[in-house]
Each structure stands twice: as C-alpha cells, then as structure tokens.
C-alpha cells in the first residue's frame, strides 16, 4: 500500500508540471521516461490487484434470490461458474451477494434485475470479502453488455 501511495504522489508531481515544462526537450525526455516507468508500474500493480482473489463472471444470471427475512440482501446465482477464487465462499448455490439497502446496492440491483428479465449478458466481479453475507462474496462490479 505504501508503494501505491508513493507512486500516486510521484504521478501527481509529474502531472502538476506545466505543459511547457513537460514538453521542454532537455527535461521532456527524462520526464517521459519517468512517466512511462510510473505508468507501466501502475498497470502492473493494477493487474496484480485484479489477479488477487476475486470472482469474475461474464454471462447470464440464473437466479436472483431475496426476501423480507434477508434484510435487503440480494443473492445472485449465475449460469456457469465464475472464474477466480474467493477464500470466504462456502455457499454451494450463490456466487455473489449485494446489500440492496444502500444507494449503490439499489443501483446495482436495478441493473441486475433489468438484465435478468431481458436475459442480457452481464459482467460481475466480486471482492475477496464476505461482509454482506458470511458465505458469499460481495458483488463490487456490475457491467451490462
């Protein structure tokens, strides 16, 4: 995490230079090398973050499960197993869960429901945490295709 903070500070410093400073031929080459190094490092770190434990799924939703006894939780079963791994997933049926009582959860639920009803392809990504429900990973990304 400290490395990301340092890279972020370094990137902000580079971006704060005026356009004239960045385009200056003498300094421009050095600045461009630094910028490329930072950019490459950030891309590698981003890829490493994505490669961390998480579920990633692209396909259709098989089932949305909710009810009054679930306190606003929406459980999602997808048509085929998601890729990746999540340490806290011990549920045999549901692949993702979201809290539909939050503003973000309501937006995600609305998108999921419309995709489910239309039979549309979605991309779902989880975190490696199961804080909404102890045996199902939290849904963090909904992308409609």
C-alpha atoms as a PDB file:
ATOM      1  CA  UNK A   1       0.000   0.000   0.000  1.00  0.00           C
ATOM      2  CA  UNK A   2       2.881   2.354   0.823  1.00  0.00           C
ATOM      3  CA  UNK A   3       4.281   1.772  -2.671  1.00  0.00           C
ATOM      4  CA  UNK A   4       0.969   2.777  -4.231  1.00  0.00           C
ATOM      5  CA  UNK A   5       0.889   5.962  -2.163  1.00  0.00           C
ATOM      6  CA  UNK A   6       4.445   6.843  -3.243  1.00  0.00           C
ATOM      7  CA  UNK A   7       3.633   6.135  -6.889  1.00  0.00           C
ATOM      8  CA  UNK A   8       0.491   8.223  -6.605  1.00  0.00           C
ATOM      9  CA  UNK A   9       2.477  11.142  -5.131  1.00  0.00           C
ATOM     10  CA  UNK A  10       5.098  10.801  -7.866  1.00  0.00           C
ATOM     11  CA  UNK A  11       2.436  10.720 -10.591  1.00  0.00           C
ATOM     12  CA  UNK A  12       0.729  13.810  -9.139  1.00  0.00           C
ATOM     13  CA  UNK A  13       4.080  15.607  -9.079  1.00  0.00           C
ATOM     14  CA  UNK A  14       4.662  14.763 -12.742  1.00  0.00           C
ATOM     15  CA  UNK A  15       1.158  15.790 -13.726  1.00  0.00           C
ATOM     16  CA  UNK A  16       1.471  19.100 -11.866  1.00  0.00           C
ATOM     17  CA  UNK A  17       4.247  20.242 -14.184  1.00  0.00           C
ATOM     18  CA  UNK A  18       3.154  22.827 -16.715  1.00  0.00           C
ATOM     19  CA  UNK A  19       2.784  21.725 -20.314  1.00  0.00           C
ATOM     20  CA  UNK A  20       5.843  23.813 -21.212  1.00  0.00           C
ATOM     21  CA  UNK A  21       7.939  22.002 -18.587  1.00  0.00           C
ATOM     22  CA  UNK A  22       6.763  18.604 -19.785  1.00  0.00           C
ATOM     23  CA  UNK A  23       7.448  19.457 -23.410  1.00  0.00           C
ATOM     24  CA  UNK A  24      10.862  21.020 -22.786  1.00  0.00           C
ATOM     25  CA  UNK A  25      13.272  18.959 -24.911  1.00  0.00           C
ATOM     26  CA  UNK A  26      16.005  18.718 -22.260  1.00  0.00           C
ATOM     27  CA  UNK A  27      13.677  17.784 -19.409  1.00  0.00           C
ATOM     28  CA  UNK A  28      10.999  16.214 -21.552  1.00  0.00           C
ATOM     29  CA  UNK A  29      12.937  13.059 -22.257  1.00  0.00           C
ATOM     30  CA  UNK A  30      13.621  12.422 -18.557  1.00  0.00           C
ATOM     31  CA  UNK A  31      10.049  13.278 -17.609  1.00  0.00           C
ATOM     32  CA  UNK A  32       8.697  10.975 -20.317  1.00  0.00           C
ATOM     33  CA  UNK A  33      10.889   8.105 -19.078  1.00  0.00           C
ATOM     34  CA  UNK A  34       9.643   8.700 -15.534  1.00  0.00           C
ATOM     35  CA  UNK A  35       6.061   8.897 -16.743  1.00  0.00           C
ATOM     36  CA  UNK A  36       6.405   5.669 -18.729  1.00  0.00           C
ATOM     37  CA  UNK A  37       8.001   3.944 -15.745  1.00  0.00           C
ATOM     38  CA  UNK A  38       5.213   5.096 -13.429  1.00  0.00           C
ATOM     39  CA  UNK A  39       2.544   4.193 -15.953  1.00  0.00           C
ATOM     40  CA  UNK A  40       3.976   0.722 -16.511  1.00  0.00           C
ATOM     41  CA  UNK A  41       4.285   0.166 -12.776  1.00  0.00           C
ATOM     42  CA  UNK A  42       0.691   1.271 -12.181  1.00  0.00           C
ATOM     43  CA  UNK A  43      -0.564  -1.045 -14.914  1.00  0.00           C
ATOM     44  CA  UNK A  44       1.362  -3.962 -13.388  1.00  0.00           C
ATOM     45  CA  UNK A  45       0.044  -3.168  -9.922  1.00  0.00           C
ATOM     46  CA  UNK A  46      -3.496  -2.886 -11.271  1.00  0.00           C
ATOM     47  CA  UNK A  47      -3.142  -6.258 -12.957  1.00  0.00           C
ATOM     48  CA  UNK A  48      -1.815  -7.715  -9.709  1.00  0.00           C
ATOM     49  CA  UNK A  49      -4.803  -6.269  -7.841  1.00  0.00           C
ATOM     50  CA  UNK A  50      -7.200  -7.852 -10.363  1.00  0.00           C
ATOM     51  CA  UNK A  51      -5.291 -11.120 -10.108  1.00  0.00           C
ATOM     52  CA  UNK A  52      -5.909 -11.196  -6.380  1.00  0.00           C
ATOM     53  CA  UNK A  53      -8.667 -13.429  -5.149  1.00  0.00           C
ATOM     54  CA  UNK A  54     -11.986 -12.463  -6.670  1.00  0.00           C
ATOM     55  CA  UNK A  55     -14.709 -13.908  -8.831  1.00  0.00           C
ATOM     56  CA  UNK A  56     -15.134 -12.647 -12.366  1.00  0.00           C
ATOM     57  CA  UNK A  57     -18.100 -13.736 -14.444  1.00  0.00           C
ATOM     58  CA  UNK A  58     -19.468 -12.871 -17.863  1.00  0.00           C
ATOM     59  CA  UNK A  59     -22.744 -14.475 -18.880  1.00  0.00           C
ATOM     60  CA  UNK A  60     -26.359 -14.560 -17.805  1.00  0.00           C
ATOM     61  CA  UNK A  61     -27.922 -14.531 -14.368  1.00  0.00           C
ATOM     62  CA  UNK A  62     -29.604 -17.793 -13.425  1.00  0.00           C
ATOM     63  CA  UNK A  63     -31.358 -16.634 -10.259  1.00  0.00           C
ATOM     64  CA  UNK A  64     -31.873 -13.580  -8.049  1.00  0.00           C
ATOM     65  CA  UNK A  65     -32.897 -14.525  -4.525  1.00  0.00           C
ATOM     66  CA  UNK A  66     -34.177 -12.111  -1.892  1.00  0.00           C
ATOM     67  CA  UNK A  67     -36.936 -11.676   0.627  1.00  0.00           C
ATOM     68  CA  UNK A  68     -38.043  -9.902   3.794  1.00  0.00           C
ATOM     69  CA  UNK A  69     -36.125 -12.296   6.030  1.00  0.00           C
ATOM     70  CA  UNK A  70     -32.835 -11.437   4.266  1.00  0.00           C
ATOM     71  CA  UNK A  71     -32.711  -7.769   5.348  1.00  0.00           C
ATOM     72  CA  UNK A  72     -32.218  -6.294   1.893  1.00  0.00           C
ATOM     73  CA  UNK A  73     -29.588  -8.796   0.739  1.00  0.00           C
ATOM     74  CA  UNK A  74     -29.822  -9.968  -2.870  1.00  0.00           C
ATOM     75  CA  UNK A  75     -28.175 -13.310  -3.639  1.00  0.00           C
ATOM     76  CA  UNK A  76     -27.102 -13.976  -7.221  1.00  0.00           C
ATOM     77  CA  UNK A  77     -26.598 -17.332  -8.908  1.00  0.00           C
ATOM     78  CA  UNK A  78     -25.018 -17.218 -12.352  1.00  0.00           C
ATOM     79  CA  UNK A  79     -25.465 -19.605 -15.271  1.00  0.00           C
ATOM     80  CA  UNK A  80     -21.927 -21.022 -15.140  1.00  0.00           C
ATOM     81  CA  UNK A  81     -19.174 -20.982 -12.514  1.00  0.00           C
ATOM     82  CA  UNK A  82     -17.282 -17.675 -12.253  1.00  0.00           C
ATOM     83  CA  UNK A  83     -13.538 -17.670 -12.809  1.00  0.00           C
ATOM     84  CA  UNK A  84     -11.105 -16.936  -9.988  1.00  0.00           C
ATOM     85  CA  UNK A  85     -11.231 -17.885  -6.363  1.00  0.00           C
ATOM     86  CA  UNK A  86     -12.552 -16.391  -3.176  1.00  0.00           C
ATOM     87  CA  UNK A  87     -11.425 -17.602   0.226  1.00  0.00           C
ATOM     88  CA  UNK A  88     -14.693 -16.990   2.022  1.00  0.00           C
ATOM     89  CA  UNK A  89     -17.084 -18.619  -0.476  1.00  0.00           C
ATOM     90  CA  UNK A  90     -18.617 -21.716   1.073  1.00  0.00           C
ATOM     91  CA  UNK A  91     -22.100 -21.393  -0.420  1.00  0.00           C
ATOM     92  CA  UNK A  92     -22.918 -24.102  -2.960  1.00  0.00           C
ATOM     93  CA  UNK A  93     -25.668 -22.139  -4.723  1.00  0.00           C
ATOM     94  CA  UNK A  94     -24.995 -18.416  -4.774  1.00  0.00           C
ATOM     95  CA  UNK A  95     -21.981 -16.776  -6.383  1.00  0.00           C
ATOM     96  CA  UNK A  96     -22.446 -13.114  -5.406  1.00  0.00           C
ATOM     97  CA  UNK A  97     -24.377 -11.039  -2.883  1.00  0.00           C
ATOM     98  CA  UNK A  98     -25.141  -7.342  -2.583  1.00  0.00           C
ATOM     99  CA  UNK A  99     -26.757  -5.126   0.015  1.00  0.00           C
ATOM    100  CA  UNK A 100     -29.741  -3.507  -1.692  1.00  0.00           C
ATOM    101  CA  UNK A 101     -30.400  -1.186   1.260  1.00  0.00           C
ATOM    102  CA  UNK A 102     -27.560   1.156   0.222  1.00  0.00           C
ATOM    103  CA  UNK A 103     -27.775   3.674  -2.620  1.00  0.00           C
ATOM    104  CA  UNK A 104     -25.090   1.774  -4.550  1.00  0.00           C
ATOM    105  CA  UNK A 105     -26.841  -1.518  -3.883  1.00  0.00           C
ATOM    106  CA  UNK A 106     -30.132  -0.171  -5.211  1.00  0.00           C
ATOM    107  CA  UNK A 107     -28.488   0.929  -8.449  1.00  0.00           C
ATOM    108  CA  UNK A 108     -26.748  -2.450  -8.830  1.00  0.00           C
ATOM    109  CA  UNK A 109     -29.958  -4.329  -8.032  1.00  0.00           C
ATOM    110  CA  UNK A 110     -31.880  -2.321 -10.614  1.00  0.00           C
ATOM    111  CA  UNK A 111     -29.266  -3.122 -13.275  1.00  0.00           C
ATOM    112  CA  UNK A 112     -29.210  -6.804 -12.298  1.00  0.00           C
ATOM    113  CA  UNK A 113     -32.985  -7.088 -12.362  1.00  0.00           C
ATOM    114  CA  UNK A 114     -33.275  -5.493 -15.800  1.00  0.00           C
ATOM    115  CA  UNK A 115     -30.502  -7.711 -17.192  1.00  0.00           C
ATOM    116  CA  UNK A 116     -32.083 -10.800 -15.642  1.00  0.00           C
ATOM    117  CA  UNK A 117     -35.534 -10.034 -17.037  1.00  0.00           C
ATOM    118  CA  UNK A 118     -34.129  -9.317 -20.505  1.00  0.00           C
ATOM    119  CA  UNK A 119     -31.765 -12.311 -20.457  1.00  0.00           C
ATOM    120  CA  UNK A 120     -28.854  -9.958 -21.167  1.00  0.00           C
ATOM    121  CA  UNK A 121     -25.191 -10.746 -20.687  1.00  0.00           C
ATOM    122  CA  UNK A 122     -23.576  -9.155 -17.642  1.00  0.00           C
ATOM    123  CA  UNK A 123     -20.115  -8.981 -16.180  1.00  0.00           C
ATOM    124  CA  UNK A 124     -19.989  -9.415 -12.412  1.00  0.00           C
ATOM    125  CA  UNK A 125     -16.906  -9.103 -10.228  1.00  0.00           C
ATOM    126  CA  UNK A 126     -16.639  -9.819  -6.523  1.00  0.00           C
ATOM    127  CA  UNK A 127     -14.269  -8.801  -3.804  1.00  0.00           C
ATOM    128  CA  UNK A 128     -12.485 -11.410  -1.691  1.00  0.00           C
ATOM    129  CA  UNK A 129     -14.613 -10.426   1.275  1.00  0.00           C
ATOM    130  CA  UNK A 130     -17.885 -11.837   2.513  1.00  0.00           C
ATOM    131  CA  UNK A 131     -19.119  -8.990   4.708  1.00  0.00           C
ATOM    132  CA  UNK A 132     -22.677  -8.751   3.349  1.00  0.00           C
ATOM    133  CA  UNK A 133     -23.205 -12.474   3.999  1.00  0.00           C
ATOM    134  CA  UNK A 134     -20.555 -14.672   5.597  1.00  0.00           C
ATOM    135  CA  UNK A 135     -20.504 -17.405   2.918  1.00  0.00           C
ATOM    136  CA  UNK A 136     -20.989 -15.441  -0.313  1.00  0.00           C
ATOM    137  CA  UNK A 137     -18.527 -12.890  -1.786  1.00  0.00           C
ATOM    138  CA  UNK A 138     -19.575  -9.246  -2.070  1.00  0.00           C
ATOM    139  CA  UNK A 139     -20.510  -8.012  -5.543  1.00  0.00           C
ATOM    140  CA  UNK A 140     -18.420  -4.952  -6.412  1.00  0.00           C
ATOM    141  CA  UNK A 141     -18.880  -4.536 -10.195  1.00  0.00           C
ATOM    142  CA  UNK A 142     -21.924  -4.847 -12.449  1.00  0.00           C
ATOM    143  CA  UNK A 143     -21.368  -4.222 -16.145  1.00  0.00           C
ATOM    144  CA  UNK A 144     -24.198  -4.639 -18.629  1.00  0.00           C
ATOM    145  CA  UNK A 145     -23.179  -5.896 -22.062  1.00  0.00           C
END
